[in-house]
C-alpha cells in the first residue's frame, strides 16, 4: 500500500512574484526537482499534473534518485521511471497521472531528486510557485546525469510534479491546508524550515504541505489558486494515507478585502464572519465524510501588517473565537495565542516575525509546529 510522502498543490501558470518558468514552459530540456520525503519505503512512484494545461503534456522520460548536493544525485541510486510500463507518457490536458513503482529504498526525511525529460513544447506549465527550494533546468536529455553541472538554470518553483508516494503502508499522514504561512513564506530557502517540516520532525508522521501563497478560503484567484473549499478535494482528500486535516485559512479573505484600494493582483470581496464560518464548516463536513479528523487553527496575529485594519481586526477576532469555542472542529490549536506578543496580542511576537508582521520566521514556524503537535 502506498502513502503520500510529499505533495505540492498545483497552480495556474504565470502566478507568483519570483521569476519562474511557468509561462514559457519547456522544450528539449530536462527538469530536475528535489523534494523531501515525510515517509520511507522500499518503492517509490510519482504523481504528475497537467491540471491547468490546455493540451496534452508529453514526458519523454523520467528518473528518480537519491539527492547528493544541488543538482547532483548519487550515481548508484538512479532509477528509470515508467508509466503503465512505458518510458514515456502523455498527461491529458486538465489531468494527472501516477507512475509505476520503482524499487528504491528510502527513509523518512530523506531528499529525492525527480528528473523529467521534456522533448516537446509543453506550453505554459502547471506549477507550484513558492517551493522555497531550488529546481534545475538544462538542455537536452539529462536523465542519467549524476554530476549536475549541465543543469545551468535555477528556479524556486516546482513544475508538473504534484506528489511522491512510497510503499510505507501508513495511514497517519497529516495534511496542512492553508496559504503562504503554510507554504513556508519567511522560512530559510533550501533549509526545510517550514512548519510542515518541523511538525514532521516532532511527530515522526508524514506531514503533507497543501499550502498555496495568497490562497483564499471562499474565492478563486488567478494569482493564488482555486478557493480552499473547492481545491481541498484534489489537494488533500485525493492523497493516499491522509487521516488528519489541519486548517489554517481565511486570513487573506479578510486582509485582501480590508480596503477598497488593494492592488489588482489581490482583490477579494469583503467577507463577513458568517461566510468564513460557513467555509470552515464545509471543510469539516468534507473531512468527516471521508473519516478524516479535522483540526482547526486560529489565525495568527497580523497587527501592523498590510492586511491589518479596523475591519480586519473585528472579523479575525470573531472567526478565531468561533474556532476556539464552537466545538465544531475535532481539536483546536490556538496559534493566535501562541504566536502573539504578550503585551500586544494582535501583533506577531518579534522573535517569531519574518519582518512583515504577517509571516513567521524559522523560529516562529518551529513554535507553531510544537503547538500543533500537542493536539495531534
Protein backbone atom coordinates (compact mmCIF):
# COMPACT_ATOMS: atom_id res chain seq x y z
CA UNK A 1 0.00 0.00 0.00
CA UNK A 2 1.29 3.43 -0.92
CA UNK A 3 1.38 6.52 1.26
CA UNK A 4 1.83 10.09 0.07
CA UNK A 5 5.25 11.23 1.30
CA UNK A 6 5.36 14.66 -0.36
CA UNK A 7 2.97 16.93 -2.19
CA UNK A 8 2.68 20.40 -3.73
CA UNK A 9 -0.64 21.98 -4.66
CA UNK A 10 -0.89 22.86 -8.39
CA UNK A 11 -1.28 26.47 -9.54
CA UNK A 12 -2.17 28.27 -12.75
CA UNK A 13 0.87 29.13 -14.94
CA UNK A 14 2.20 32.66 -14.63
CA UNK A 15 1.38 33.28 -10.98
CA UNK A 16 3.86 34.16 -8.28
CA UNK A 17 6.18 37.06 -7.63
CA UNK A 18 9.55 35.36 -8.00
CA UNK A 19 10.86 34.68 -11.53
CA UNK A 20 9.74 31.26 -12.77
CA UNK A 21 9.47 29.19 -15.94
CA UNK A 22 5.72 28.53 -15.83
CA UNK A 23 4.69 30.86 -18.66
CA UNK A 24 7.45 29.92 -21.10
CA UNK A 25 7.31 26.21 -20.28
CA UNK A 26 9.90 23.72 -21.52
CA UNK A 27 11.23 22.35 -24.81
CA UNK A 28 14.14 19.98 -25.45
CA UNK A 29 15.14 20.34 -21.81
CA UNK A 30 15.45 18.33 -18.65
CA UNK A 31 13.90 19.50 -15.40
CA UNK A 32 15.37 18.33 -12.08
CA UNK A 33 13.46 18.81 -8.82
CA UNK A 34 14.37 17.98 -5.23
CA UNK A 35 11.76 17.06 -2.61
CA UNK A 36 11.96 15.89 0.99
CA UNK A 37 10.00 12.78 1.95
CA UNK A 38 7.77 12.52 5.00
CA UNK A 39 7.79 8.72 4.96
CA UNK A 40 10.14 5.97 3.90
CA UNK A 41 9.66 2.76 1.95
CA UNK A 42 11.34 0.40 -0.49
CA UNK A 43 9.36 1.51 -3.56
CA UNK A 44 8.54 4.95 -4.92
CA UNK A 45 6.23 6.41 -7.55
CA UNK A 46 5.44 9.95 -8.70
CA UNK A 47 2.27 11.90 -9.45
CA UNK A 48 2.47 14.30 -12.41
CA UNK A 49 -0.08 17.04 -13.01
CA UNK A 50 -1.26 18.93 -16.05
CA UNK A 51 -4.17 20.45 -14.12
CA UNK A 52 -4.03 23.79 -15.90
CA UNK A 53 -2.67 22.63 -19.24
CA UNK A 54 -4.79 23.19 -22.32
CA UNK A 55 -3.09 20.44 -24.36
CA UNK A 56 -1.51 17.06 -23.52
CA UNK A 57 1.85 17.17 -21.74
CA UNK A 58 4.47 14.82 -23.20
CA UNK A 59 7.03 13.37 -20.81
CA UNK A 60 9.78 11.74 -22.87
CA UNK A 61 11.34 10.07 -19.85
CA UNK A 62 11.79 10.33 -16.10
CA UNK A 63 14.17 9.18 -13.39
CA UNK A 64 14.31 9.27 -9.61
CA UNK A 65 17.43 9.16 -7.45
CA UNK A 66 18.74 9.96 -4.01
CA UNK A 67 19.82 13.56 -3.77
CA UNK A 68 23.52 14.31 -3.38
CA UNK A 69 24.06 18.07 -3.39
CA UNK A 70 22.46 20.72 -5.54
CA UNK A 71 21.55 19.15 -8.88
CA UNK A 72 23.84 16.17 -8.28
CA UNK A 73 22.48 12.73 -7.43
CA UNK A 74 24.01 9.54 -6.08
CA UNK A 75 25.09 7.51 -9.13
CA UNK A 76 24.15 4.12 -7.64
CA UNK A 77 20.58 5.24 -6.97
CA UNK A 78 19.30 6.41 -10.37
CA UNK A 79 16.13 4.56 -11.36
CA UNK A 80 14.21 4.91 -14.62
CA UNK A 81 10.52 5.57 -14.08
CA UNK A 82 7.78 4.05 -16.20
CA UNK A 83 4.10 4.80 -16.76
CA UNK A 84 1.89 1.78 -17.42
CA UNK A 85 5.10 0.04 -18.45
CA UNK A 86 6.23 2.73 -20.89
CA UNK A 87 9.23 5.04 -20.52
CA UNK A 88 7.25 7.97 -21.93
CA UNK A 89 3.75 9.24 -21.26
CA UNK A 90 1.25 11.92 -22.21
CA UNK A 91 -0.60 13.57 -19.35
CA UNK A 92 -4.02 14.73 -20.62
CA UNK A 93 -4.98 18.38 -20.56
CA UNK A 94 -6.52 19.15 -17.15
CA UNK A 95 -5.44 15.72 -15.97
CA UNK A 96 -2.84 13.91 -13.90
CA UNK A 97 -1.11 10.55 -13.90
CA UNK A 98 0.54 8.30 -11.32
CA UNK A 99 3.60 6.41 -12.48
CA UNK A 100 4.62 2.81 -11.86
CA UNK A 101 6.52 1.91 -8.70
CA UNK A 102 10.32 1.84 -8.86
CA UNK A 103 12.49 -0.13 -6.44
CA UNK A 104 14.43 2.32 -4.27
CA UNK A 105 14.82 2.05 -0.50
CA UNK A 106 14.32 5.43 1.16
CA UNK A 107 13.98 6.78 4.69
CA UNK A 108 11.67 9.38 6.15
CA UNK A 109 13.30 12.81 5.98
CA UNK A 110 15.47 11.85 3.01
CA UNK A 111 15.53 14.01 -0.11
CA UNK A 112 14.96 12.54 -3.55
CA UNK A 113 15.51 14.06 -6.98
CA UNK A 114 13.00 13.62 -9.80
CA UNK A 115 14.17 14.42 -13.33
CA UNK A 116 11.82 14.86 -16.29
CA UNK A 117 12.93 15.00 -19.94
CA UNK A 118 10.61 17.31 -21.88
CA UNK A 119 11.44 16.92 -25.58
CA UNK A 120 8.26 18.51 -26.99
CA UNK A 121 6.95 22.02 -26.41
CA UNK A 122 5.00 21.92 -23.17
CA UNK A 123 3.30 25.30 -23.36
CA UNK A 124 2.64 27.08 -20.06
CA UNK A 125 3.40 24.76 -17.16
CA UNK A 126 1.20 23.82 -14.24
CA UNK A 127 3.40 24.51 -11.25
CA UNK A 128 3.69 25.43 -7.57
CA UNK A 129 5.05 28.94 -7.30
CA UNK A 130 6.72 29.05 -3.88
CA UNK A 131 8.87 25.98 -3.37
CA UNK A 132 11.50 27.64 -1.16
CA UNK A 133 13.95 25.16 -2.58
CA UNK A 134 15.88 25.07 -5.84
CA UNK A 135 14.82 23.35 -9.06
CA UNK A 136 17.16 22.95 -12.02
CA UNK A 137 16.93 23.03 -15.82
CA UNK A 138 19.36 22.04 -18.55
CA UNK A 139 19.37 21.47 -22.30
CA UNK A 140 18.72 18.02 -23.79
CA UNK A 141 18.25 14.61 -22.21
CA UNK A 142 19.92 14.69 -18.79
CA UNK A 143 18.00 11.85 -17.17
CA UNK A 144 21.15 9.88 -16.39
CA UNK A 145 23.32 12.87 -15.50
CA UNK A 146 24.68 12.45 -11.97
CA UNK A 147 27.08 15.37 -11.50
CA UNK A 148 24.52 18.08 -12.10
CA UNK A 149 26.82 20.54 -13.87
CA UNK A 150 24.73 20.50 -17.04
CA UNK A 151 21.76 21.94 -15.16
CA UNK A 152 22.72 25.58 -15.64
CA UNK A 153 19.43 27.35 -14.82
CA UNK A 154 17.65 27.52 -11.48
CA UNK A 155 14.20 28.37 -10.17
CA UNK A 156 12.45 28.32 -6.79
CA UNK A 157 9.26 26.69 -8.04
CA UNK A 158 8.11 23.12 -8.71
CA UNK A 159 6.71 22.15 -12.13
CA UNK A 160 4.37 19.26 -13.12
CA UNK A 161 5.35 17.27 -10.02
CA UNK A 162 2.49 17.23 -7.52
CA UNK A 163 3.15 14.15 -5.41
CA UNK A 164 5.59 11.43 -4.41
CA UNK A 165 4.31 8.21 -2.87
CA UNK A 166 6.22 5.44 -1.11
CA UNK A 167 5.31 1.89 -0.12
CA UNK A 168 5.08 2.79 3.56
CA UNK A 169 1.68 1.24 4.23
CA UNK A 170 0.91 4.13 6.59
CA UNK A 171 -2.47 5.80 7.05
CA UNK A 172 -1.46 8.50 9.57
CA UNK A 173 -0.46 11.36 7.26
CA UNK A 174 -1.28 14.91 8.37
CA UNK A 175 -2.28 17.41 5.67
CA UNK A 176 -1.73 21.10 6.39
CA UNK A 177 -4.20 23.22 4.44
CA UNK A 178 -3.57 26.92 4.17
CA UNK A 179 -1.97 29.93 2.49
CA UNK A 180 1.55 31.41 2.40
CA UNK A 181 2.11 30.72 6.10
CA UNK A 182 1.56 27.02 5.45
CA UNK A 183 3.53 27.25 2.19
CA UNK A 184 6.50 28.43 4.25
CA UNK A 185 6.96 32.07 3.22
CA UNK A 186 9.57 33.61 5.52
CA UNK A 187 11.43 30.36 6.16
CA UNK A 188 15.04 29.97 5.03
CA UNK A 189 15.05 28.80 1.38
CA UNK A 190 16.63 25.41 0.86
CA UNK A 191 16.73 24.60 4.58
CA UNK A 192 13.39 22.78 5.03
CA UNK A 193 12.30 25.07 7.87
CA UNK A 194 8.58 25.37 7.05
CA UNK A 195 6.25 24.43 9.90
CA UNK A 196 5.32 21.31 7.93
CA UNK A 197 8.98 20.21 8.10
CA UNK A 198 9.21 20.99 11.81
CA UNK A 199 5.96 19.13 12.52
CA UNK A 200 7.18 16.02 10.69
CA UNK A 201 10.38 16.04 12.75
CA UNK A 202 8.44 16.34 16.01
CA UNK A 203 5.78 13.72 15.32
CA UNK A 204 7.50 11.18 13.07
CA UNK A 205 4.37 11.21 10.90
CA UNK A 206 4.14 12.06 7.20
CA UNK A 207 3.21 15.77 7.02
CA UNK A 208 1.91 16.99 3.68
CA UNK A 209 2.05 20.67 2.80
CA UNK A 210 -1.09 21.74 0.92
CA UNK A 211 -0.46 25.47 1.26
CA UNK A 212 -0.62 28.00 -1.57
CA UNK A 213 0.69 31.51 -1.04
CA UNK A 214 -2.17 34.03 -1.08
CA UNK A 215 -4.87 31.35 -1.17
CA UNK A 216 -8.38 32.24 -0.04
CA UNK A 217 -10.99 30.09 1.62
CA UNK A 218 -14.01 31.43 -0.27
CA UNK A 219 -12.87 32.94 -3.57
CA UNK A 220 -10.88 31.82 -6.59
CA UNK A 221 -7.89 33.91 -7.63
CA UNK A 222 -5.91 33.90 -10.86
CA UNK A 223 -2.82 34.58 -8.76
CA UNK A 224 -3.46 32.44 -5.72
CA UNK A 225 -5.31 29.36 -6.84
CA UNK A 226 -8.75 27.91 -6.57
CA UNK A 227 -10.65 28.66 -3.38
CA UNK A 228 -9.99 26.38 -0.46
CA UNK A 229 -13.46 24.86 -0.27
CA UNK A 230 -13.01 23.67 -3.87
CA UNK A 231 -9.37 22.62 -4.05
CA UNK A 232 -9.38 20.62 -0.80
CA UNK A 233 -10.69 17.53 -2.62
CA UNK A 234 -7.77 17.44 -5.08
CA UNK A 235 -5.07 18.77 -2.77
CA UNK A 236 -5.90 16.80 0.39
CA UNK A 237 -8.58 14.13 0.17
CA UNK A 238 -7.25 12.59 -3.05
CA UNK A 239 -3.90 11.90 -1.36
CA UNK A 240 -3.17 8.39 -0.16
CA UNK A 241 -2.81 7.85 3.59
CA UNK A 242 -4.26 11.10 5.00
CA UNK A 243 -6.11 10.77 8.31
CA UNK A 244 -5.84 14.32 9.71
CA UNK A 245 -6.54 17.72 8.19
CA UNK A 246 -5.20 20.90 9.85
CA UNK A 247 -6.92 24.07 8.59
CA UNK A 248 -5.22 27.49 8.78
CA UNK A 249 -7.09 29.53 6.20
CA UNK A 250 -9.11 32.73 5.96
CA UNK A 251 -6.56 35.44 6.69
CA UNK A 252 -6.33 36.52 3.05
CA UNK A 253 -10.11 36.59 2.68
CA UNK A 254 -10.03 39.15 5.48
CA UNK A 255 -6.84 41.03 4.63
CA UNK A 256 -7.29 41.33 0.88
CA UNK A 257 -10.67 42.98 1.40
CA UNK A 258 -9.54 45.38 4.12
CA UNK A 259 -9.57 48.44 1.86
CA UNK A 260 -11.13 49.39 -1.46
CA UNK A 261 -7.73 50.17 -2.94
CA UNK A 262 -5.98 46.84 -2.98
CA UNK A 263 -3.52 46.06 -5.81
CA UNK A 264 -5.16 44.44 -8.83
CA UNK A 265 -3.41 41.12 -8.25
CA UNK A 266 -5.21 40.50 -4.97
CA UNK A 267 -8.78 41.80 -5.00
CA UNK A 268 -11.30 39.98 -2.83
CA UNK A 269 -14.92 40.69 -1.96
CA UNK A 270 -15.48 41.87 1.57
CA UNK A 271 -16.39 38.94 3.77
CA UNK A 272 -18.41 38.63 6.94
CA UNK A 273 -17.55 36.21 9.69
CA UNK A 274 -20.64 34.13 8.92
CA UNK A 275 -19.34 33.45 5.42
CA UNK A 276 -15.96 32.36 6.78
CA UNK A 277 -17.62 30.11 9.34
CA UNK A 278 -19.66 28.51 6.57
CA UNK A 279 -16.45 27.85 4.64
CA UNK A 280 -14.82 26.21 7.65
CA UNK A 281 -17.94 24.14 8.24
CA UNK A 282 -17.75 22.90 4.65
CA UNK A 283 -14.15 21.76 5.16
CA UNK A 284 -15.18 19.98 8.36
CA UNK A 285 -18.12 18.32 6.61
CA UNK A 286 -15.95 17.09 3.74
CA UNK A 287 -13.33 15.74 6.15
CA UNK A 288 -15.84 13.83 8.26
CA UNK A 289 -17.48 12.36 5.17
CA UNK A 290 -14.12 10.72 4.46
CA UNK A 291 -13.29 9.71 8.02
CA UNK A 292 -10.58 12.36 8.30
CA UNK A 293 -10.04 14.15 11.62
CA UNK A 294 -10.36 17.94 11.29
CA UNK A 295 -8.16 20.25 13.40
CA UNK A 296 -8.83 24.00 13.36
CA UNK A 297 -6.08 26.56 13.89
CA UNK A 298 -6.85 30.14 14.85
CA UNK A 299 -5.43 32.83 12.58
CA UNK A 300 -2.04 34.16 13.62
CA UNK A 301 -1.76 37.76 14.87
CA UNK A 302 -1.19 40.16 11.96
CA UNK A 303 -1.44 43.60 13.54
CA UNK A 304 0.79 46.14 11.81
CA UNK A 305 0.86 44.18 8.53
CA UNK A 306 -0.56 45.32 5.21
CA UNK A 307 -3.56 43.05 5.89
CA UNK A 308 -4.50 44.82 9.12
CA UNK A 309 -7.17 47.42 9.79
CA UNK A 310 -10.19 48.07 11.97
CA UNK A 311 -12.46 45.79 9.98
CA UNK A 312 -9.83 43.06 9.64
CA UNK A 313 -9.33 43.11 13.40
CA UNK A 314 -13.06 42.70 14.04
CA UNK A 315 -13.63 39.84 11.58
CA UNK A 316 -10.46 37.94 12.54
CA UNK A 317 -11.34 38.16 16.25
CA UNK A 318 -14.84 36.84 15.55
CA UNK A 319 -13.56 33.97 13.40
CA UNK A 320 -10.91 32.99 15.94
CA UNK A 321 -13.50 33.00 18.73
CA UNK A 322 -15.71 30.65 16.70
CA UNK A 323 -12.79 28.29 16.01
CA UNK A 324 -11.88 28.26 19.74
CA UNK A 325 -15.34 27.92 21.23
CA UNK A 326 -17.78 26.36 18.78
CA UNK A 327 -16.69 22.78 19.37
CA UNK A 328 -17.17 22.00 15.69
CA UNK A 329 -13.57 21.03 14.96
CA UNK A 330 -12.37 17.73 16.38
CA UNK A 331 -9.48 19.63 18.00
CA UNK A 332 -8.26 23.22 18.09
CA UNK A 333 -4.81 24.79 18.28
CA UNK A 334 -4.80 28.45 19.31
CA UNK A 335 -1.96 29.82 17.20
CA UNK A 336 -3.14 33.39 17.79
CA UNK A 337 -2.37 32.98 21.49
CA UNK A 338 0.84 31.02 20.99
CA UNK A 339 2.33 33.43 18.46
CA UNK A 340 1.14 36.79 19.86
CA UNK A 341 3.23 39.34 21.69
CA UNK A 342 2.33 39.14 25.42
CA UNK A 343 1.99 42.91 25.57
CA UNK A 344 0.09 43.25 22.28
CA UNK A 345 -1.79 40.02 21.46
CA UNK A 346 -2.76 41.12 17.95
CA UNK A 347 0.90 41.56 16.95
CA UNK A 348 3.20 38.72 15.99
CA UNK A 349 5.87 38.29 18.65
CA UNK A 350 9.09 39.96 17.49
CA UNK A 351 11.23 36.84 17.92
CA UNK A 352 8.90 34.97 15.58
CA UNK A 353 8.42 37.69 12.93
CA UNK A 354 9.97 37.35 9.47
CA UNK A 355 9.79 41.14 9.24
CA UNK A 356 6.44 41.92 7.64
CA UNK A 357 4.33 41.40 10.80
CA UNK A 358 2.46 38.68 8.92
CA UNK A 359 4.73 35.70 8.28
CA UNK A 360 6.77 33.81 10.87
CA UNK A 361 10.50 33.13 10.58
CA UNK A 362 12.19 29.78 11.17
CA UNK A 363 11.83 30.13 14.95
CA UNK A 364 8.16 31.04 14.66
CA UNK A 365 7.43 28.08 12.39
CA UNK A 366 9.07 25.75 14.90
CA UNK A 367 6.86 27.15 17.67
CA UNK A 368 3.77 26.62 15.50
CA UNK A 369 4.76 23.02 14.88
CA UNK A 370 5.26 22.37 18.58
CA UNK A 371 1.80 23.73 19.35
CA UNK A 372 0.11 21.67 16.63
CA UNK A 373 1.97 18.51 17.63
CA UNK A 374 0.33 18.68 21.05
CA UNK A 375 -3.17 18.23 19.59
CA UNK A 376 -2.42 15.51 17.02
